[in-house]
Amino acid sequence: MYVIRNGIIVQPDRLLFGYELVVEDDRIAAIQRQGKFDATAAGAGVIDAHGGYVTPGLVDIHSDYIETVISPRPTVLMDFSTALFEAERELIAHGITTMYHSLSAYAQDIMDAKPVRRWENTEKIMALIAGCKRTEGRNAHLIRHRLHLRLEVDNVNLVEQVEGHLRSGEVDELSFMDHTPGQGQYRDIEIWRKSVRGDHELSDEEAERIVAAQQAAPKLSFDQLKYLADVACENGIALASHDDDSVEHLDLMRELGCTISEFPVSLEVARAARERGMSTVMGTPNILLGKSHSGNLSARDAVSNGVASVLCSDYYPTAMLQSAFALHHDFKLPLEEAFAMLTINPARAVHADDQIGSLEEGKKADILVIREVEEGQRTYPVITATLVDGRVVSRMWYPALPSMSARFATDAATIAETADHVPAAVVDTDGSEDK
């Protein structure tokens, strides 16, 4: 049991001052006026936020980062299980407590050909993630691992296999992608050509042959897509479209049952998606860079125009937490609104908001304590404590922050053992102990 005190509690629509949060087992037991809970009598650990922010754990519903960890070089495959454990250690450091690993099912991956994206390897990763879900809550992993299967529409031979994975419970989100040059993300064929030439050192003639071949490749029919979409919906799996480039394409995706629009390529399409009740997903690297790397809609413009509802890490997990504070400090977006796009909104989009995504009594105790370190003329957000399923899974000590000490108590058991020496032990999120 823990009580988190002296922090600003970030809820989806407000900041709470002067409140404490009580964690019992894996749940948030209470959010109440500070000082009501007798931690000593309850034998509870006290986490002192020292005026920092107490937020929900971040929920990332689109990231292919695991592919980079498994395959750090195009022809290299590291051990898959080891990569998953190493990835989660990095993700927890960035505040991501629930990750929807986005695995691609391409027929031809011309843009980023890696052995990790071969279907047999994709299935291997899917099985690992399914195993993580089976052992969740038993200290096997630091975070919640989920699976987002990205089906490229040129993969016409995978319908039966994908259906089987949808029905087995392995898939938590399904998206339909089409990276054919001339539409979607690469509606500007010249950007596609430059990307391919840069990655593969192709001549203009070779690039043209690839464009022609991809444009002529067979694709899944509407009936096939609709069949898979119906299977997904029947099994409670969130359904997303990808790189919507027109209102007509958006309406087609809505007809399939998609409720999420990932990376709409223009302000017009993003606005239309919101008008149709869809969640719109933008990338946090885009927030930090100030532009889309492929020349499409800027996430900053999407946020400022009120058409972005969800932010994801896409390929750079570091950007998640940074983007919330960048939007708050640089664009004057209320912090609670910025965090909503990283927590409750993505949780709601994938039908997980009954358990995670906000600090509410009865919900899972996935919690971050965040402070800001001053570095020169700017501040930088740092996570000093992380709880997942009510367990403290990470603490970080920044010497630049006040109230530092080499001594600390980590949980109720430790406090009980040291009670004779430390009558009112307080777990400091920076590794210190106050009395």
Protein backbone atom coordinates (compact mmCIF):
# COMPACT_ATOMS: atom_id res chain seq x y z
CA MET A 1 0.00 0.00 0.00
CA TYR A 2 1.19 3.53 -0.82
CA VAL A 3 0.02 7.08 -0.42
CA ILE A 4 1.35 9.72 -2.83
CA ARG A 5 1.48 13.20 -1.30
CA ASN A 6 2.63 16.75 -2.00
CA GLY A 7 1.96 16.48 -5.71
CA ILE A 8 -0.27 18.08 -8.33
CA ILE A 9 -2.64 15.34 -9.49
CA VAL A 10 -3.27 15.53 -13.24
CA GLN A 11 -6.77 14.44 -14.23
CA PRO A 12 -8.22 14.57 -17.77
CA ASP A 13 -9.96 17.91 -17.23
CA ARG A 14 -8.23 19.54 -14.25
CA LEU A 15 -5.26 19.74 -11.92
CA LEU A 16 -5.89 18.83 -8.28
CA PHE A 17 -3.93 20.68 -5.59
CA GLY A 18 -3.83 19.58 -1.94
CA TYR A 19 -4.95 16.02 -2.58
CA GLU A 20 -3.32 12.67 -1.92
CA LEU A 21 -3.67 9.43 -3.83
CA VAL A 22 -3.94 6.09 -2.02
CA VAL A 23 -2.89 2.86 -3.76
CA GLU A 24 -4.01 -0.52 -2.44
CA ASP A 25 -3.00 -3.72 -4.21
CA ASP A 26 -3.14 -2.95 -7.95
CA ARG A 27 -5.81 -0.22 -7.76
CA ILE A 28 -6.27 3.41 -6.88
CA ALA A 29 -8.20 3.14 -3.62
CA ALA A 30 -8.84 6.82 -2.96
CA ILE A 31 -8.14 10.37 -4.09
CA GLN A 32 -8.84 12.60 -1.12
CA ARG A 33 -7.83 15.74 0.71
CA GLN A 34 -4.24 15.50 1.84
CA GLY A 35 -3.69 14.41 5.44
CA LYS A 36 -6.76 12.18 5.77
CA PHE A 37 -4.79 8.94 5.41
CA ASP A 38 -2.77 7.66 8.39
CA ALA A 39 0.09 5.96 6.58
CA THR A 40 1.85 4.86 9.75
CA ALA A 41 -1.23 3.10 11.11
CA ALA A 42 -1.85 1.44 7.76
CA GLY A 43 1.79 0.38 7.38
CA ALA A 44 1.88 2.13 4.02
CA GLY A 45 4.75 3.63 2.09
CA VAL A 46 4.55 7.37 1.54
CA ILE A 47 5.75 8.70 -1.79
CA ASP A 48 6.58 12.38 -1.59
CA ALA A 49 6.11 14.08 -4.96
CA HIS A 50 7.83 17.27 -3.71
CA GLY A 51 5.48 19.52 -5.64
CA GLY A 52 5.80 17.57 -8.87
CA TYR A 53 3.05 16.19 -11.06
CA VAL A 54 1.25 12.92 -10.38
CA THR A 55 -0.04 11.60 -13.70
CA PRO A 56 -1.38 8.41 -15.24
CA GLY A 57 1.13 6.17 -17.00
CA LEU A 58 1.42 6.98 -20.70
CA VAL A 59 -0.52 4.83 -23.18
CA ASP A 60 1.21 4.48 -26.56
CA ILE A 61 -1.04 2.92 -29.20
CA HIS A 62 1.32 3.19 -32.18
CA SER A 63 5.05 2.47 -32.03
CA ASP A 64 7.32 0.21 -34.04
CA TYR A 65 10.20 0.79 -31.62
CA ILE A 66 10.43 -2.92 -30.76
CA GLU A 67 11.53 -3.58 -34.35
CA THR A 68 14.50 -1.26 -33.85
CA VAL A 69 15.52 -3.05 -30.65
CA ILE A 70 15.26 -6.48 -32.28
CA SER A 71 16.89 -5.34 -35.51
CA PRO A 72 19.40 -2.54 -34.76
CA ARG A 73 20.91 -3.07 -38.22
CA PRO A 74 18.96 -4.00 -41.37
CA THR A 75 20.42 -7.52 -41.55
CA VAL A 76 20.73 -8.19 -37.80
CA LEU A 77 18.23 -10.02 -35.60
CA MET A 78 18.90 -10.02 -31.87
CA ASP A 79 17.28 -12.46 -29.46
CA PHE A 80 13.58 -11.58 -29.43
CA SER A 81 12.88 -12.25 -25.74
CA THR A 82 15.92 -10.27 -24.64
CA ALA A 83 14.87 -7.39 -26.90
CA LEU A 84 11.42 -7.28 -25.34
CA PHE A 85 12.85 -7.07 -21.82
CA GLU A 86 15.37 -4.41 -22.85
CA ALA A 87 12.73 -2.38 -24.70
CA GLU A 88 10.43 -2.25 -21.68
CA ARG A 89 13.25 -0.93 -19.48
CA GLU A 90 13.66 1.98 -21.86
CA LEU A 91 9.92 2.51 -22.26
CA ILE A 92 9.33 2.70 -18.51
CA ALA A 93 12.05 5.34 -18.28
CA HIS A 94 10.00 7.44 -20.69
CA GLY A 95 6.79 6.95 -18.70
CA ILE A 96 5.15 4.51 -21.13
CA THR A 97 3.34 1.98 -18.96
CA THR A 98 1.18 0.51 -21.74
CA MET A 99 2.68 -0.11 -25.16
CA TYR A 100 0.80 -1.23 -28.26
CA HIS A 101 3.73 -2.66 -30.22
CA SER A 102 2.98 -1.92 -33.87
CA LEU A 103 4.04 -4.86 -36.02
CA SER A 104 3.85 -4.57 -39.79
CA ALA A 105 2.52 -7.25 -42.11
CA TYR A 106 3.85 -6.21 -45.52
CA ALA A 107 3.86 -8.20 -48.75
CA GLN A 108 6.75 -6.06 -50.02
CA ASP A 109 8.55 -3.67 -47.70
CA ILE A 110 10.51 -1.62 -50.21
CA MET A 111 10.84 1.40 -47.93
CA ASP A 112 12.49 -0.32 -44.97
CA ALA A 113 13.27 -3.92 -45.83
CA LYS A 114 14.23 -5.71 -42.61
CA PRO A 115 14.15 -9.41 -41.79
CA VAL A 116 12.28 -8.54 -38.59
CA ARG A 117 9.26 -7.73 -40.76
CA ARG A 118 9.06 -11.15 -42.33
CA TRP A 119 5.75 -12.71 -41.39
CA GLU A 120 7.33 -15.62 -39.51
CA ASN A 121 9.19 -13.13 -37.31
CA THR A 122 6.08 -11.02 -36.81
CA GLU A 123 4.26 -14.11 -35.58
CA LYS A 124 7.13 -14.88 -33.22
CA ILE A 125 6.89 -11.43 -31.65
CA MET A 126 3.12 -11.74 -31.45
CA ALA A 127 3.50 -14.95 -29.45
CA LEU A 128 5.93 -13.26 -27.05
CA ILE A 129 3.53 -10.37 -26.45
CA ALA A 130 0.65 -12.79 -25.90
CA GLY A 131 2.79 -14.51 -23.27
CA CYS A 132 3.37 -11.17 -21.55
CA LYS A 133 -0.36 -10.63 -21.30
CA ARG A 134 -0.88 -14.05 -19.75
CA THR A 135 1.61 -13.32 -16.95
CA GLU A 136 0.56 -9.71 -16.39
CA GLY A 137 0.38 -8.69 -12.76
CA ARG A 138 2.82 -11.38 -11.63
CA ASN A 139 6.02 -9.31 -11.76
CA ALA A 140 7.12 -10.87 -15.04
CA HIS A 141 7.30 -7.55 -16.90
CA LEU A 142 7.58 -3.87 -16.06
CA ILE A 143 4.84 -2.60 -18.39
CA ARG A 144 1.64 -3.70 -20.11
CA HIS A 145 2.51 -5.17 -23.51
CA ARG A 146 -0.18 -5.05 -26.19
CA LEU A 147 -0.21 -5.80 -29.92
CA HIS A 148 -1.14 -3.47 -32.76
CA LEU A 149 -1.12 -5.40 -36.05
CA ARG A 150 -0.58 -3.17 -39.09
CA LEU A 151 -1.89 -4.96 -42.18
CA GLU A 152 -0.66 -3.63 -45.51
CA VAL A 153 -3.40 -4.01 -48.13
CA ASP A 154 -1.03 -5.58 -50.64
CA ASN A 155 -0.63 -8.62 -48.38
CA VAL A 156 -3.33 -10.60 -50.15
CA ASN A 157 -2.19 -14.01 -48.89
CA LEU A 158 -2.60 -13.40 -45.16
CA VAL A 159 -6.36 -13.18 -44.67
CA GLU A 160 -6.75 -16.58 -42.99
CA GLN A 161 -3.66 -16.16 -40.81
CA VAL A 162 -4.70 -12.68 -39.68
CA GLU A 163 -8.20 -13.92 -38.93
CA GLY A 164 -6.75 -16.66 -36.74
CA HIS A 165 -4.69 -14.17 -34.74
CA LEU A 166 -7.70 -11.88 -34.33
CA ARG A 167 -9.79 -14.71 -32.94
CA SER A 168 -7.01 -16.03 -30.67
CA GLY A 169 -6.91 -12.86 -28.55
CA GLU A 170 -3.36 -11.97 -29.57
CA VAL A 171 -4.31 -8.73 -31.36
CA ASP A 172 -5.48 -5.65 -29.45
CA GLU A 173 -5.58 -3.19 -32.36
CA LEU A 174 -5.75 -3.69 -36.13
CA SER A 175 -4.96 -1.05 -38.72
CA PHE A 176 -5.20 -1.07 -42.50
CA MET A 177 -2.28 0.53 -44.33
CA ASP A 178 -1.57 1.34 -47.97
CA HIS A 179 1.88 2.72 -48.70
CA THR A 180 1.48 2.60 -52.46
CA PRO A 181 3.30 5.56 -54.04
CA GLY A 182 0.89 8.30 -55.11
CA GLN A 183 -1.55 8.14 -52.19
CA GLY A 184 -1.68 8.23 -48.40
CA GLN A 185 1.62 9.11 -46.74
CA TYR A 186 3.32 9.15 -50.13
CA ARG A 187 0.72 10.97 -52.18
CA ASP A 188 3.64 13.12 -53.31
CA ILE A 189 5.49 10.50 -55.37
CA GLU A 190 8.62 12.65 -55.45
CA ILE A 191 8.95 12.32 -51.65
CA TRP A 192 8.59 8.56 -52.05
CA ARG A 193 11.24 8.50 -54.78
CA LYS A 194 13.68 10.50 -52.64
CA SER A 195 13.11 8.18 -49.69
CA VAL A 196 13.66 5.04 -51.73
CA ARG A 197 16.73 6.40 -53.50
CA GLY A 198 18.19 7.53 -50.19
CA ASP A 199 17.62 4.17 -48.50
CA HIS A 200 18.66 1.93 -51.36
CA GLU A 201 20.92 4.02 -53.61
CA LEU A 202 18.66 3.37 -56.58
CA SER A 203 18.87 5.06 -59.92
CA ASP A 204 15.89 7.06 -61.21
CA GLU A 205 15.06 4.22 -63.59
CA GLU A 206 15.10 1.59 -60.83
CA ALA A 207 12.92 3.77 -58.60
CA GLU A 208 10.43 4.19 -61.45
CA ARG A 209 10.23 0.43 -61.93
CA ILE A 210 9.48 -0.03 -58.21
CA VAL A 211 6.77 2.65 -58.35
CA ALA A 212 5.13 0.96 -61.33
CA ALA A 213 5.33 -2.49 -59.71
CA GLN A 214 3.83 -1.30 -56.41
CA GLN A 215 1.04 0.59 -58.14
CA ALA A 216 0.17 -2.52 -60.16
CA ALA A 217 0.37 -4.95 -57.23
CA PRO A 218 -2.88 -6.73 -56.26
CA LYS A 219 -4.58 -5.53 -53.08
CA LEU A 220 -7.10 -6.87 -50.62
CA SER A 221 -10.65 -6.32 -51.82
CA PHE A 222 -13.21 -4.31 -49.88
CA ASP A 223 -15.02 -7.56 -49.02
CA GLN A 224 -11.81 -9.08 -47.60
CA LEU A 225 -11.08 -5.97 -45.55
CA LYS A 226 -14.68 -5.87 -44.35
CA TYR A 227 -14.51 -9.51 -43.30
CA LEU A 228 -11.38 -8.92 -41.20
CA ALA A 229 -12.84 -5.70 -39.81
CA ASP A 230 -15.98 -7.53 -38.72
CA VAL A 231 -13.92 -10.24 -37.02
CA ALA A 232 -11.94 -7.54 -35.20
CA CYS A 233 -15.09 -5.76 -34.03
CA GLU A 234 -16.67 -9.03 -32.88
CA ASN A 235 -13.62 -9.64 -30.70
CA GLY A 236 -13.46 -6.13 -29.20
CA ILE A 237 -10.37 -5.16 -31.20
CA ALA A 238 -9.89 -1.47 -32.00
CA LEU A 239 -9.83 -0.74 -35.73
CA ALA A 240 -7.77 2.00 -37.36
CA SER A 241 -7.16 3.49 -40.77
CA HIS A 242 -3.74 4.83 -41.71
CA ASP A 243 -2.61 7.94 -43.61
CA ASP A 244 -6.10 8.99 -44.69
CA ASP A 245 -5.56 11.40 -47.59
CA SER A 246 -9.13 12.31 -48.56
CA VAL A 247 -12.58 12.52 -47.05
CA GLU A 248 -13.69 9.82 -49.50
CA HIS A 249 -11.03 7.43 -48.22
CA LEU A 250 -11.98 8.32 -44.66
CA ASP A 251 -15.62 7.47 -45.35
CA LEU A 252 -14.56 4.15 -46.84
CA MET A 253 -12.64 3.36 -43.65
CA ARG A 254 -15.63 4.35 -41.53
CA GLU A 255 -17.75 1.96 -43.59
CA LEU A 256 -15.32 -0.79 -42.64
CA GLY A 257 -15.80 0.11 -38.97
CA CYS A 258 -12.63 2.09 -38.29
CA THR A 259 -12.92 4.43 -35.31
CA ILE A 260 -9.29 5.64 -35.36
CA SER A 261 -7.58 7.71 -38.06
CA GLU A 262 -3.79 7.44 -37.79
CA PHE A 263 -1.77 10.32 -39.21
CA PRO A 264 -4.38 12.01 -41.43
CA VAL A 265 -2.31 13.79 -44.05
CA SER A 266 -4.16 17.11 -44.14
CA LEU A 267 -6.02 19.44 -41.81
CA GLU A 268 -9.19 18.95 -43.85
CA VAL A 269 -9.11 15.18 -43.44
CA ALA A 270 -8.23 15.38 -39.73
CA ARG A 271 -11.15 17.73 -39.16
CA ALA A 272 -13.47 15.42 -41.08
CA ALA A 273 -12.31 12.47 -38.96
CA ARG A 274 -13.13 14.33 -35.75
CA GLU A 275 -16.53 15.35 -37.16
CA ARG A 276 -17.21 11.65 -37.77
CA GLY A 277 -16.39 10.82 -34.17
CA MET A 278 -13.02 9.21 -34.93
CA SER A 279 -9.94 9.46 -32.76
CA THR A 280 -7.12 11.15 -34.66
CA VAL A 281 -3.56 10.01 -33.94
CA MET A 282 -0.49 12.18 -34.48
CA GLY A 283 3.17 11.48 -33.71
CA THR A 284 5.06 13.13 -30.86
CA PRO A 285 8.34 13.25 -32.84
CA ASN A 286 6.40 15.52 -35.17
CA ILE A 287 5.60 17.76 -32.16
CA LEU A 288 9.27 18.13 -31.28
CA LEU A 289 10.50 18.51 -34.86
CA GLY A 290 7.76 20.96 -35.79
CA LYS A 291 6.92 19.14 -39.02
CA SER A 292 6.13 15.81 -40.60
CA HIS A 293 9.17 14.00 -41.99
CA SER A 294 7.13 13.13 -45.10
CA GLY A 295 5.72 16.62 -45.66
CA ASN A 296 2.19 15.96 -44.42
CA LEU A 297 0.12 17.55 -41.65
CA SER A 298 2.17 18.94 -38.77
CA ALA A 299 1.13 17.55 -35.39
CA ARG A 300 1.54 21.03 -33.94
CA ASP A 301 -0.95 22.40 -36.47
CA ALA A 302 -3.31 19.52 -35.71
CA VAL A 303 -3.17 20.25 -31.98
CA SER A 304 -3.52 24.02 -32.37
CA ASN A 305 -6.55 23.52 -34.60
CA GLY A 306 -8.16 21.09 -32.16
CA VAL A 307 -8.16 18.10 -34.51
CA ALA A 308 -5.59 15.87 -32.76
CA SER A 309 -7.03 13.70 -30.00
CA VAL A 310 -4.25 11.14 -29.49
CA LEU A 311 -0.47 11.42 -29.49
CA CYS A 312 1.81 8.40 -29.99
CA SER A 313 5.56 7.84 -30.06
CA ASP A 314 5.51 6.34 -33.60
CA TYR A 315 9.23 5.53 -33.71
CA TYR A 316 10.76 7.65 -30.90
CA PRO A 317 9.49 6.87 -27.36
CA THR A 318 11.54 9.70 -25.82
CA ALA A 319 9.19 12.20 -27.47
CA MET A 320 6.09 11.16 -25.51
CA LEU A 321 6.73 12.89 -22.18
CA GLN A 322 8.71 15.72 -23.78
CA SER A 323 5.84 16.58 -26.11
CA ALA A 324 3.37 17.08 -23.24
CA PHE A 325 5.58 19.70 -21.64
CA ALA A 326 6.52 21.25 -25.00
CA LEU A 327 2.83 21.77 -25.77
CA HIS A 328 2.29 23.20 -22.30
CA HIS A 329 5.29 25.54 -22.14
CA ASP A 330 5.70 26.53 -25.79
CA PHE A 331 2.10 26.50 -26.98
CA LYS A 332 0.33 27.29 -23.68
CA LEU A 333 -1.84 24.20 -23.87
CA PRO A 334 -3.19 23.35 -20.41
CA LEU A 335 -1.10 20.50 -19.06
CA GLU A 336 -4.14 18.36 -18.35
CA GLU A 337 -5.16 18.60 -22.02
CA ALA A 338 -1.70 17.65 -23.19
CA PHE A 339 -1.62 14.63 -20.89
CA ALA A 340 -5.12 13.59 -21.93
CA MET A 341 -3.79 13.05 -25.46
CA LEU A 342 -1.13 10.70 -24.04
CA THR A 343 -3.29 8.83 -21.52
CA ILE A 344 -7.09 8.75 -21.40
CA ASN A 345 -7.70 9.54 -25.08
CA PRO A 346 -5.55 6.69 -26.44
CA ALA A 347 -6.94 4.36 -23.76
CA ARG A 348 -10.46 5.29 -24.84
CA ALA A 349 -9.60 4.83 -28.52
CA VAL A 350 -8.57 1.20 -27.94
CA HIS A 351 -11.40 0.43 -25.48
CA ALA A 352 -9.12 0.22 -22.43
CA ASP A 353 -10.28 3.33 -20.56
CA ASP A 354 -12.26 1.32 -18.02
CA GLN A 355 -8.93 0.12 -16.57
CA ILE A 356 -6.16 2.57 -17.50
CA GLY A 357 -5.55 6.09 -18.80
CA SER A 358 -6.66 8.27 -15.88
CA LEU A 359 -6.26 8.60 -12.14
CA GLU A 360 -9.65 7.53 -10.81
CA GLU A 361 -10.71 5.43 -7.86
CA GLY A 362 -11.03 1.80 -8.86
CA LYS A 363 -8.73 2.02 -11.87
CA LYS A 364 -5.37 0.32 -12.24
CA ALA A 365 -2.61 2.08 -10.34
CA ASP A 366 -0.36 2.96 -13.29
CA ILE A 367 1.15 6.22 -12.02
CA LEU A 368 4.03 8.57 -12.77
CA VAL A 369 5.59 11.18 -10.50
CA ILE A 370 7.21 13.86 -12.64
CA ARG A 371 9.40 16.81 -11.78
CA GLU A 372 11.17 19.35 -13.95
CA VAL A 373 14.93 19.79 -13.94
CA GLU A 374 16.32 23.20 -14.85
CA GLU A 375 19.04 23.04 -17.48
CA GLY A 376 20.31 26.42 -18.61
CA GLN A 377 17.39 28.49 -19.85
CA ARG A 378 14.98 25.59 -20.11
CA THR A 379 13.38 22.91 -17.98
CA TYR A 380 13.30 19.22 -18.72
CA PRO A 381 10.67 16.77 -17.39
CA VAL A 382 12.02 13.77 -15.50
CA ILE A 383 10.20 10.83 -13.96
CA THR A 384 11.20 10.21 -10.36
CA ALA A 385 8.85 7.28 -9.62
CA THR A 386 6.72 4.90 -11.62
CA LEU A 387 4.06 2.50 -10.41
CA VAL A 388 2.47 -0.19 -12.57
CA ASP A 389 -0.29 -2.37 -11.16
CA GLY A 390 0.30 -0.67 -7.81
CA ARG A 391 3.97 -1.71 -7.64
CA VAL A 392 6.89 0.69 -7.65
CA VAL A 393 8.79 -0.49 -10.73
CA SER A 394 11.15 2.45 -11.14
CA ARG A 395 12.73 5.25 -9.11
CA MET A 396 15.24 7.79 -10.37
CA TRP A 397 17.44 10.14 -8.41
CA TYR A 398 18.42 13.45 -9.98
CA PRO A 399 21.11 15.23 -7.92
CA ALA A 400 19.96 18.62 -9.24
CA LEU A 401 16.63 18.26 -7.47
CA PRO A 402 16.22 19.24 -3.79
CA SER A 403 15.65 16.94 -0.80
CA MET A 404 18.26 14.39 -1.75
CA SER A 405 19.49 11.62 0.51
CA ALA A 406 21.26 8.31 0.02
CA ARG A 407 18.70 6.57 2.28
CA PHE A 408 15.24 5.55 1.17
CA ALA A 409 12.39 3.17 2.03
CA THR A 410 10.70 1.43 -0.86
CA ASP A 411 7.56 -0.18 0.45
CA ALA A 412 5.51 -1.05 3.52
CA ALA A 413 7.71 -4.04 4.37
CA THR A 414 10.85 -1.92 4.41
CA ILE A 415 9.15 0.71 6.54
CA ALA A 416 8.04 -1.95 9.04
CA GLU A 417 11.58 -3.31 9.32
CA THR A 418 13.02 0.15 10.05
CA ALA A 419 10.19 1.43 12.23
CA ASP A 420 12.33 1.51 15.38
CA HIS A 421 14.78 3.86 13.71
CA VAL A 422 12.53 5.82 11.36
CA PRO A 423 9.15 6.45 13.01
CA ALA A 424 7.54 8.13 9.99
CA ALA A 425 9.44 6.97 6.95
CA VAL A 426 8.61 8.73 3.73
CA VAL A 427 9.63 7.30 0.38
CA ASP A 428 11.02 10.19 -1.61
CA THR A 429 10.63 9.69 -5.35
CA ASP A 430 14.17 10.94 -5.82
CA GLY A 431 15.63 8.31 -3.51
CA SER A 432 15.57 10.29 -0.27
CA GLU A 433 13.90 9.78 3.08
CA ASP A 434 12.15 12.55 4.96
CA LYS A 435 10.96 12.53 8.57
